Amino acid sequence: AIFVTFRFCGKDYDAAVLSAGHCGFGMGATPTAMVNMQAVCKNYGMSHTAFIIVPLCGAFFIDIVNAFVINGILYLF
């Protein structure tokens, strides 16, 4: 998250909160990412950009991709 997400997202506060969300995805799912971001924002201030991007990617885009992957695997077997 530090080497890729933080640098790719611009090396600012929003990038730091997005990196915390990325770590949350690594630990589980979208709710874990949201809790990680809330913990960072509770101490340092709100990041509206991160709270728009992470739930969209986590809840919407990943679920759609998972649906196609599961259907593809079921089709193969």
PDB file of N, CA and C in Angstrom:
ATOM      1  N   ALA A   1       0.825  -1.191   0.000  1.00  0.00           N
ATOM      2  CA  ALA A   1       0.000   0.000   0.000  1.00  0.00           C
ATOM      3  C   ALA A   1       0.869   1.255   0.000  1.00  0.00           C
ATOM      4  N   ILE A   2       1.983   1.219   0.714  1.00  0.00           N
ATOM      5  CA  ILE A   2       2.852   2.399   0.768  1.00  0.00           C
ATOM      6  C   ILE A   2       3.561   2.604  -0.561  1.00  0.00           C
ATOM      7  N   PHE A   3       4.078   1.544  -1.121  1.00  0.00           N
ATOM      8  CA  PHE A   3       4.901   1.675  -2.322  1.00  0.00           C
ATOM      9  C   PHE A   3       4.094   1.854  -3.592  1.00  0.00           C
ATOM     10  N   VAL A   4       2.894   1.318  -3.639  1.00  0.00           N
ATOM     11  CA  VAL A   4       2.109   1.404  -4.877  1.00  0.00           C
ATOM     12  C   VAL A   4       0.946   2.384  -4.724  1.00  0.00           C
ATOM     13  N   THR A   5       0.029   2.110  -3.817  1.00  0.00           N
ATOM     14  CA  THR A   5      -1.194   2.910  -3.708  1.00  0.00           C
ATOM     15  C   THR A   5      -0.901   4.357  -3.343  1.00  0.00           C
ATOM     16  N   PHE A   6      -0.083   4.561  -2.325  1.00  0.00           N
ATOM     17  CA  PHE A   6       0.203   5.925  -1.868  1.00  0.00           C
ATOM     18  C   PHE A   6       0.869   6.743  -2.970  1.00  0.00           C
ATOM     19  N   ARG A   7       1.834   6.174  -3.648  1.00  0.00           N
ATOM     20  CA  ARG A   7       2.542   6.913  -4.703  1.00  0.00           C
ATOM     21  C   ARG A   7       1.688   7.100  -5.946  1.00  0.00           C
ATOM     22  N   PHE A   8       0.909   6.087  -6.300  1.00  0.00           N
ATOM     23  CA  PHE A   8       0.065   6.176  -7.488  1.00  0.00           C
ATOM     24  C   PHE A   8      -1.046   7.206  -7.308  1.00  0.00           C
ATOM     25  N   CYS A   9      -1.522   7.378  -6.072  1.00  0.00           N
ATOM     26  CA  CYS A   9      -2.638   8.283  -5.800  1.00  0.00           C
ATOM     27  C   CYS A   9      -2.212   9.716  -5.508  1.00  0.00           C
ATOM     28  N   GLY A  10      -0.917  10.007  -5.518  1.00  0.00           N
ATOM     29  CA  GLY A  10      -0.504  11.393  -5.456  1.00  0.00           C
ATOM     30  C   GLY A  10       0.287  11.846  -4.244  1.00  0.00           C
ATOM     31  N   LYS A  11       0.615  10.961  -3.318  1.00  0.00           N
ATOM     32  CA  LYS A  11       1.447  11.291  -2.163  1.00  0.00           C
ATOM     33  C   LYS A  11       0.898  12.446  -1.327  1.00  0.00           C
ATOM     34  N   ASP A  12      -0.402  12.489  -1.111  1.00  0.00           N
ATOM     35  CA  ASP A  12      -0.991  13.509  -0.255  1.00  0.00           C
ATOM     36  C   ASP A  12      -1.869  12.830   0.807  1.00  0.00           C
ATOM     37  N   TYR A  13      -2.638  13.629   1.523  1.00  0.00           N
ATOM     38  CA  TYR A  13      -3.456  13.069   2.599  1.00  0.00           C
ATOM     39  C   TYR A  13      -4.518  12.111   2.065  1.00  0.00           C
ATOM     40  N   ASP A  14      -5.140  12.459   0.950  1.00  0.00           N
ATOM     41  CA  ASP A  14      -6.136  11.553   0.358  1.00  0.00           C
ATOM     42  C   ASP A  14      -5.499  10.216  -0.002  1.00  0.00           C
ATOM     43  N   ALA A  15      -4.281  10.256  -0.497  1.00  0.00           N
ATOM     44  CA  ALA A  15      -3.571   9.024  -0.845  1.00  0.00           C
ATOM     45  C   ALA A  15      -3.287   8.190   0.402  1.00  0.00           C
ATOM     46  N   ALA A  16      -2.982   8.857   1.521  1.00  0.00           N
ATOM     47  CA  ALA A  16      -2.740   8.125   2.766  1.00  0.00           C
ATOM     48  C   ALA A  16      -4.006   7.427   3.249  1.00  0.00           C
ATOM     49  N   VAL A  17      -5.140   8.106   3.146  1.00  0.00           N
ATOM     50  CA  VAL A  17      -6.404   7.492   3.574  1.00  0.00           C
ATOM     51  C   VAL A  17      -6.798   6.369   2.613  1.00  0.00           C
ATOM     52  N   LEU A  18      -6.569   6.555   1.332  1.00  0.00           N
ATOM     53  CA  LEU A  18      -6.819   5.478   0.372  1.00  0.00           C
ATOM     54  C   LEU A  18      -5.923   4.276   0.648  1.00  0.00           C
ATOM     55  N   SER A  19      -4.699   4.516   1.059  1.00  0.00           N
ATOM     56  CA  SER A  19      -3.797   3.416   1.408  1.00  0.00           C
ATOM     57  C   SER A  19      -4.305   2.656   2.630  1.00  0.00           C
ATOM     58  N   ALA A  20      -4.855   3.373   3.592  1.00  0.00           N
ATOM     59  CA  ALA A  20      -5.460   2.708   4.748  1.00  0.00           C
ATOM     60  C   ALA A  20      -6.637   1.843   4.307  1.00  0.00           C
ATOM     61  N   GLY A  21      -7.424   2.348   3.368  1.00  0.00           N
ATOM     62  CA  GLY A  21      -8.512   1.545   2.816  1.00  0.00           C
ATOM     63  C   GLY A  21      -8.008   0.324   2.075  1.00  0.00           C
ATOM     64  N   HIS A  22      -6.907   0.476   1.367  1.00  0.00           N
ATOM     65  CA  HIS A  22      -6.300  -0.649   0.656  1.00  0.00           C
ATOM     66  C   HIS A  22      -5.864  -1.730   1.643  1.00  0.00           C
ATOM     67  N   CYS A  23      -5.291  -1.321   2.757  1.00  0.00           N
ATOM     68  CA  CYS A  23      -4.916  -2.285   3.798  1.00  0.00           C
ATOM     69  C   CYS A  23      -6.157  -2.985   4.356  1.00  0.00           C
ATOM     70  N   GLY A  24      -7.251  -2.254   4.473  1.00  0.00           N
ATOM     71  CA  GLY A  24      -8.501  -2.854   4.938  1.00  0.00           C
ATOM     72  C   GLY A  24      -9.032  -3.896   3.981  1.00  0.00           C
ATOM     73  N   PHE A  25      -8.893  -3.641   2.678  1.00  0.00           N
ATOM     74  CA  PHE A  25      -9.283  -4.656   1.699  1.00  0.00           C
ATOM     75  C   PHE A  25      -8.430  -5.901   1.863  1.00  0.00           C
ATOM     76  N   GLY A  26      -7.164  -5.703   2.154  1.00  0.00           N
ATOM     77  CA  GLY A  26      -6.276  -6.843   2.356  1.00  0.00           C
ATOM     78  C   GLY A  26      -6.639  -7.666   3.577  1.00  0.00           C
ATOM     79  N   MET A  27      -7.207  -7.028   4.581  1.00  0.00           N
ATOM     80  CA  MET A  27      -7.601  -7.742   5.793  1.00  0.00           C
ATOM     81  C   MET A  27      -8.972  -8.383   5.690  1.00  0.00           C
ATOM     82  N   GLY A  28      -9.730  -8.074   4.668  1.00  0.00           N
ATOM     83  CA  GLY A  28     -11.048  -8.685   4.618  1.00  0.00           C
ATOM     84  C   GLY A  28     -11.907  -8.183   3.500  1.00  0.00           C
ATOM     85  N   ALA A  29     -12.675  -7.143   3.759  1.00  0.00           N
ATOM     86  CA  ALA A  29     -13.671  -6.698   2.795  1.00  0.00           C
ATOM     87  C   ALA A  29     -13.864  -5.186   2.910  1.00  0.00           C
ATOM     88  N   THR A  30     -14.862  -4.680   2.225  1.00  0.00           N
ATOM     89  CA  THR A  30     -15.144  -3.250   2.207  1.00  0.00           C
ATOM     90  C   THR A  30     -15.413  -2.672   3.599  1.00  0.00           C
ATOM     91  N   PRO A  31     -16.169  -3.349   4.471  1.00  0.00           N
ATOM     92  CA  PRO A  31     -16.382  -2.762   5.806  1.00  0.00           C
ATOM     93  C   PRO A  31     -15.074  -2.579   6.589  1.00  0.00           C
ATOM     94  N   THR A  32     -14.146  -3.495   6.430  1.00  0.00           N
ATOM     95  CA  THR A  32     -12.860  -3.362   7.106  1.00  0.00           C
ATOM     96  C   THR A  32     -12.085  -2.174   6.560  1.00  0.00           C
ATOM     97  N   ALA A  33     -12.161  -1.958   5.269  1.00  0.00           N
ATOM     98  CA  ALA A  33     -11.507  -0.799   4.660  1.00  0.00           C
ATOM     99  C   ALA A  33     -12.116   0.501   5.181  1.00  0.00           C
ATOM    100  N   MET A  34     -13.419   0.527   5.317  1.00  0.00           N
ATOM    101  CA  MET A  34     -14.084   1.729   5.822  1.00  0.00           C
ATOM    102  C   MET A  34     -13.681   2.026   7.270  1.00  0.00           C
ATOM    103  N   VAL A  35     -13.578   0.991   8.092  1.00  0.00           N
ATOM    104  CA  VAL A  35     -13.188   1.183   9.486  1.00  0.00           C
ATOM    105  C   VAL A  35     -11.748   1.692   9.566  1.00  0.00           C
ATOM    106  N   ASN A  36     -10.856   1.150   8.750  1.00  0.00           N
ATOM    107  CA  ASN A  36      -9.475   1.639   8.719  1.00  0.00           C
ATOM    108  C   ASN A  36      -9.431   3.114   8.344  1.00  0.00           C
ATOM    109  N   MET A  37     -10.183   3.492   7.338  1.00  0.00           N
ATOM    110  CA  MET A  37     -10.186   4.884   6.906  1.00  0.00           C
ATOM    111  C   MET A  37     -10.797   5.785   7.975  1.00  0.00           C
ATOM    112  N   GLN A  38     -11.834   5.323   8.661  1.00  0.00           N
ATOM    113  CA  GLN A  38     -12.435   6.114   9.738  1.00  0.00           C
ATOM    114  C   GLN A  38     -11.452   6.332  10.875  1.00  0.00           C
ATOM    115  N   ALA A  39     -10.638   5.313  11.171  1.00  0.00           N
ATOM    116  CA  ALA A  39      -9.651   5.459  12.242  1.00  0.00           C
ATOM    117  C   ALA A  39      -8.617   6.516  11.896  1.00  0.00           C
ATOM    118  N   VAL A  40      -8.177   6.544  10.647  1.00  0.00           N
ATOM    119  CA  VAL A  40      -7.215   7.560  10.221  1.00  0.00           C
ATOM    120  C   VAL A  40      -7.870   8.938  10.242  1.00  0.00           C
ATOM    121  N   CYS A  41      -9.076   9.029   9.729  1.00  0.00           N
ATOM    122  CA  CYS A  41      -9.765  10.323   9.645  1.00  0.00           C
ATOM    123  C   CYS A  41     -10.169  10.856  11.012  1.00  0.00           C
ATOM    124  N   LYS A  42     -10.383   9.981  11.962  1.00  0.00           N
ATOM    125  CA  LYS A  42     -10.737  10.425  13.307  1.00  0.00           C
ATOM    126  C   LYS A  42      -9.587  11.225  13.930  1.00  0.00           C
ATOM    127  N   ASN A  43      -8.354  10.843  13.619  1.00  0.00           N
ATOM    128  CA  ASN A  43      -7.196  11.526  14.186  1.00  0.00           C
ATOM    129  C   ASN A  43      -6.736  12.723  13.364  1.00  0.00           C
ATOM    130  N   TYR A  44      -6.867  12.656  12.040  1.00  0.00           N
ATOM    131  CA  TYR A  44      -6.237  13.662  11.180  1.00  0.00           C
ATOM    132  C   TYR A  44      -7.188  14.489  10.342  1.00  0.00           C
ATOM    133  N   GLY A  45      -8.461  14.183  10.326  1.00  0.00           N
ATOM    134  CA  GLY A  45      -9.415  14.953   9.535  1.00  0.00           C
ATOM    135  C   GLY A  45     -10.011  14.125   8.409  1.00  0.00           C
ATOM    136  N   MET A  46     -11.100  14.628   7.868  1.00  0.00           N
ATOM    137  CA  MET A  46     -11.883  13.898   6.872  1.00  0.00           C
ATOM    138  C   MET A  46     -11.263  13.960   5.485  1.00  0.00           C
ATOM    139  N   SER A  47     -11.419  12.873   4.739  1.00  0.00           N
ATOM    140  CA  SER A  47     -11.018  12.815   3.340  1.00  0.00           C
ATOM    141  C   SER A  47     -12.232  12.381   2.524  1.00  0.00           C
ATOM    142  N   HIS A  48     -12.916  13.333   1.941  1.00  0.00           N
ATOM    143  CA  HIS A  48     -14.145  13.030   1.202  1.00  0.00           C
ATOM    144  C   HIS A  48     -13.865  12.217  -0.052  1.00  0.00           C
ATOM    145  N   THR A  49     -12.751  12.473  -0.695  1.00  0.00           N
ATOM    146  CA  THR A  49     -12.397  11.739  -1.915  1.00  0.00           C
ATOM    147  C   THR A  49     -12.244  10.255  -1.628  1.00  0.00           C
ATOM    148  N   ALA A  50     -11.548   9.926  -0.565  1.00  0.00           N
ATOM    149  CA  ALA A  50     -11.329   8.514  -0.229  1.00  0.00           C
ATOM    150  C   ALA A  50     -12.635   7.812   0.118  1.00  0.00           C
ATOM    151  N   PHE A  51     -13.530   8.528   0.801  1.00  0.00           N
ATOM    152  CA  PHE A  51     -14.795   7.903   1.183  1.00  0.00           C
ATOM    153  C   PHE A  51     -15.766   7.777   0.015  1.00  0.00           C
ATOM    154  N   ILE A  52     -15.462   8.368  -1.117  1.00  0.00           N
ATOM    155  CA  ILE A  52     -16.244   8.149  -2.332  1.00  0.00           C
ATOM    156  C   ILE A  52     -15.644   7.001  -3.146  1.00  0.00           C
ATOM    157  N   ILE A  53     -14.322   6.989  -3.258  1.00  0.00           N
ATOM    158  CA  ILE A  53     -13.648   6.013  -4.121  1.00  0.00           C
ATOM    159  C   ILE A  53     -13.686   4.603  -3.548  1.00  0.00           C
ATOM    160  N   VAL A  54     -13.346   4.444  -2.277  1.00  0.00           N
ATOM    161  CA  VAL A  54     -13.216   3.098  -1.696  1.00  0.00           C
ATOM    162  C   VAL A  54     -14.533   2.327  -1.674  1.00  0.00           C
ATOM    163  N   PRO A  55     -15.653   2.904  -1.221  1.00  0.00           N
ATOM    164  CA  PRO A  55     -16.887   2.110  -1.268  1.00  0.00           C
ATOM    165  C   PRO A  55     -17.334   1.780  -2.693  1.00  0.00           C
ATOM    166  N   LEU A  56     -17.111   2.704  -3.626  1.00  0.00           N
ATOM    167  CA  LEU A  56     -17.461   2.403  -5.012  1.00  0.00           C
ATOM    168  C   LEU A  56     -16.665   1.231  -5.540  1.00  0.00           C
ATOM    169  N   CYS A  57     -15.366   1.258  -5.349  1.00  0.00           N
ATOM    170  CA  CYS A  57     -14.523   0.167  -5.836  1.00  0.00           C
ATOM    171  C   CYS A  57     -14.796  -1.119  -5.088  1.00  0.00           C
ATOM    172  N   GLY A  58     -14.925  -1.028  -3.783  1.00  0.00           N
ATOM    173  CA  GLY A  58     -15.090  -2.227  -2.979  1.00  0.00           C
ATOM    174  C   GLY A  58     -16.433  -2.880  -3.107  1.00  0.00           C
ATOM    175  N   ALA A  59     -17.466  -2.107  -3.088  1.00  0.00           N
ATOM    176  CA  ALA A  59     -18.803  -2.682  -3.064  1.00  0.00           C
ATOM    177  C   ALA A  59     -19.383  -2.899  -4.455  1.00  0.00           C
ATOM    178  N   PHE A  60     -19.049  -2.047  -5.383  1.00  0.00           N
ATOM    179  CA  PHE A  60     -19.696  -2.111  -6.683  1.00  0.00           C
ATOM    180  C   PHE A  60     -18.841  -2.830  -7.727  1.00  0.00           C
ATOM    181  N   PHE A  61     -17.672  -2.294  -8.007  1.00  0.00           N
ATOM    182  CA  PHE A  61     -16.848  -2.841  -9.080  1.00  0.00           C
ATOM    183  C   PHE A  61     -16.334  -4.237  -8.777  1.00  0.00           C
ATOM    184  N   ILE A  62     -15.896  -4.473  -7.555  1.00  0.00           N
ATOM    185  CA  ILE A  62     -15.362  -5.789  -7.214  1.00  0.00           C
ATOM    186  C   ILE A  62     -16.469  -6.841  -7.228  1.00  0.00           C
ATOM    187  N   ASP A  63     -17.670  -6.487  -6.790  1.00  0.00           N
ATOM    188  CA  ASP A  63     -18.772  -7.447  -6.830  1.00  0.00           C
ATOM    189  C   ASP A  63     -19.134  -7.813  -8.259  1.00  0.00           C
ATOM    190  N   ILE A  64     -19.104  -6.865  -9.153  1.00  0.00           N
ATOM    191  CA  ILE A  64     -19.397  -7.162 -10.562  1.00  0.00           C
ATOM    192  C   ILE A  64     -18.319  -8.065 -11.152  1.00  0.00           C
ATOM    193  N   VAL A  65     -17.060  -7.763 -10.870  1.00  0.00           N
ATOM    194  CA  VAL A  65     -15.964  -8.600 -11.365  1.00  0.00           C
ATOM    195  C   VAL A  65     -16.080 -10.007 -10.797  1.00  0.00           C
ATOM    196  N   ASN A  66     -16.387 -10.124  -9.498  1.00  0.00           N
ATOM    197  CA  ASN A  66     -16.543 -11.445  -8.886  1.00  0.00           C
ATOM    198  C   ASN A  66     -17.664 -12.244  -9.549  1.00  0.00           C
ATOM    199  N   ALA A  67     -18.744 -11.599  -9.907  1.00  0.00           N
ATOM    200  CA  ALA A  67     -19.844 -12.302 -10.574  1.00  0.00           C
ATOM    201  C   ALA A  67     -19.385 -12.898 -11.899  1.00  0.00           C
ATOM    202  N   PHE A  68     -18.622 -12.126 -12.676  1.00  0.00           N
ATOM    203  CA  PHE A  68     -18.119 -12.646 -13.947  1.00  0.00           C
ATOM    204  C   PHE A  68     -17.096 -13.754 -13.746  1.00  0.00           C
ATOM    205  N   VAL A  69     -16.245 -13.617 -12.755  1.00  0.00           N
ATOM    206  CA  VAL A  69     -15.233 -14.654 -12.488  1.00  0.00           C
ATOM    207  C   VAL A  69     -15.903 -15.950 -12.055  1.00  0.00           C
ATOM    208  N   ILE A  70     -16.863 -15.859 -11.158  1.00  0.00           N
ATOM    209  CA  ILE A  70     -17.558 -17.066 -10.688  1.00  0.00           C
ATOM    210  C   ILE A  70     -18.299 -17.733 -11.838  1.00  0.00           C
ATOM    211  N   ASN A  71     -18.986 -16.953 -12.673  1.00  0.00           N
ATOM    212  CA  ASN A  71     -19.678 -17.542 -13.825  1.00  0.00           C
ATOM    213  C   ASN A  71     -18.704 -18.177 -14.791  1.00  0.00           C
ATOM    214  N   GLY A  72     -17.561 -17.533 -15.008  1.00  0.00           N
ATOM    215  CA  GLY A  72     -16.558 -18.096 -15.902  1.00  0.00           C
ATOM    216  C   GLY A  72     -15.997 -19.419 -15.391  1.00  0.00           C
ATOM    217  N   ILE A  73     -15.733 -19.492 -14.096  1.00  0.00           N
ATOM    218  CA  ILE A  73     -15.213 -20.735 -13.522  1.00  0.00           C
ATOM    219  C   ILE A  73     -16.264 -21.837 -13.573  1.00  0.00           C
ATOM    220  N   LEU A  74     -17.517 -21.491 -13.271  1.00  0.00           N
ATOM    221  CA  LEU A  74     -18.580 -22.493 -13.360  1.00  0.00           C
ATOM    222  C   LEU A  74     -18.777 -22.978 -14.792  1.00  0.00           C
ATOM    223  N   TYR A  75     -18.579 -22.098 -15.751  1.00  0.00           N
ATOM    224  CA  TYR A  75     -18.715 -22.486 -17.157  1.00  0.00           C
ATOM    225  C   TYR A  75     -17.601 -23.457 -17.556  1.00  0.00           C
ATOM    226  N   LEU A  76     -16.399 -23.244 -17.038  1.00  0.00           N
ATOM    227  CA  LEU A  76     -15.270 -24.109 -17.369  1.00  0.00           C
ATOM    228  C   LEU A  76     -15.396 -25.498 -16.763  1.00  0.00           C
ATOM    229  N   PHE A  77     -15.992 -25.557 -15.583  1.00  0.00           N
ATOM    230  CA  PHE A  77     -16.101 -26.856 -14.914  1.00  0.00           C
ATOM    231  C   PHE A  77     -17.517 -27.338 -14.950  1.00  0.00           C
TER     232      PHE A  77
END
